Protein backbone atom coordinates (compact mmCIF):
# COMPACT_ATOMS: atom_id res chain seq x y z
CA UNK A 1 0.00 0.00 0.00
CA UNK A 2 1.44 3.36 -1.06
CA UNK A 3 1.52 6.26 1.35
CA UNK A 4 0.05 9.48 0.02
CA UNK A 5 2.46 12.37 -0.21
CA UNK A 6 1.44 15.38 1.87
CA UNK A 7 0.94 18.53 -0.13
CA UNK A 8 2.64 21.32 1.76
CA UNK A 9 0.67 24.57 1.79
CA UNK A 10 2.26 27.63 0.21
CA UNK A 11 1.84 31.36 0.83
CA UNK A 12 -0.68 33.04 -1.47
CA UNK A 13 1.52 36.15 -1.80
CA UNK A 14 5.12 34.95 -2.11
CA UNK A 15 4.73 31.16 -2.68
CA UNK A 16 6.94 30.39 0.30
CA UNK A 17 6.46 27.11 2.18
CA UNK A 18 7.78 28.62 5.41
CA UNK A 19 4.42 28.76 7.28
CA UNK A 20 3.50 28.67 10.95
CA UNK A 21 0.11 27.91 12.54
CA UNK A 22 -1.19 30.67 14.81
CA UNK A 23 -4.32 31.90 16.51
CA UNK A 24 -4.47 35.66 16.11
CA UNK A 25 -6.65 38.68 15.32
CA UNK A 26 -7.64 38.70 11.65
CA UNK A 27 -8.61 41.98 9.92
CA UNK A 28 -11.64 41.97 7.60
CA UNK A 29 -12.15 44.86 5.20
CA UNK A 30 -15.84 45.61 4.51
CA UNK A 31 -15.85 48.52 2.10
CA UNK A 32 -14.50 51.50 4.05
CA UNK A 33 -14.83 49.66 7.38
CA UNK A 34 -12.23 47.43 8.99
CA UNK A 35 -13.43 44.76 11.42
CA UNK A 36 -10.89 42.89 13.57
CA UNK A 37 -12.03 39.35 14.42
CA UNK A 38 -10.21 37.87 17.40
CA UNK A 39 -8.83 34.37 17.88
CA UNK A 40 -8.90 33.13 14.28
CA UNK A 41 -6.85 30.06 13.30
CA UNK A 42 -4.46 31.10 10.53
CA UNK A 43 -1.25 30.08 8.79
CA UNK A 44 1.29 32.91 8.85
CA UNK A 45 4.04 33.15 6.26
CA UNK A 46 7.31 33.71 8.11
CA UNK A 47 8.82 35.42 5.06
CA UNK A 48 6.19 38.07 4.18
CA UNK A 49 3.88 37.78 7.26
CA UNK A 50 0.76 37.22 5.14
CA UNK A 51 -2.13 35.64 7.12
CA UNK A 52 -4.19 32.86 5.55
CA UNK A 53 -7.19 31.51 7.49
CA UNK A 54 -7.40 27.74 7.91
CA UNK A 55 -10.66 25.88 7.28
CA UNK A 56 -11.71 26.40 10.91
CA UNK A 57 -10.66 30.05 10.66
CA UNK A 58 -12.78 30.57 7.54
CA UNK A 59 -15.79 29.05 9.31
CA UNK A 60 -15.35 31.45 12.23
CA UNK A 61 -15.02 34.43 9.88
CA UNK A 62 -18.24 33.40 8.09
CA UNK A 63 -20.09 33.12 11.42
CA UNK A 64 -18.82 36.55 12.49
CA UNK A 65 -19.80 38.12 9.17
CA UNK A 66 -23.30 36.65 9.45
CA UNK A 67 -23.69 38.08 12.95
CA UNK A 68 -22.32 41.45 11.84
CA UNK A 69 -24.71 41.69 8.87
CA UNK A 70 -27.60 40.69 11.13
CA UNK A 71 -26.68 43.48 13.60
CA UNK A 72 -26.39 46.04 10.78
CA UNK A 73 -29.74 44.94 9.36
CA UNK A 74 -31.54 45.44 12.68
CA UNK A 75 -29.88 48.82 13.25
CA UNK A 76 -30.82 50.02 9.73
CA UNK A 77 -27.17 50.62 8.75
CA UNK A 78 -25.70 49.67 5.38
CA UNK A 79 -22.99 47.01 5.96
CA UNK A 80 -20.78 48.37 3.14
């Protein structure tokens, strides 16, 4: 039985494979607004410091965006 080769993730900006897993604050840009979401699981490139959310991090960001849009909707404010 052959073992599957692991595909190492690469940075989306500089294509480096020098990544580190972290839990950190992730900035979301919604039009002119910037929203900082805390404790998001990301991979950080150690060369260019670009943050890439993991699958769990993306799920958290989607939940936070849904809550944020819901709050804007009830307050009568345009989200973007």
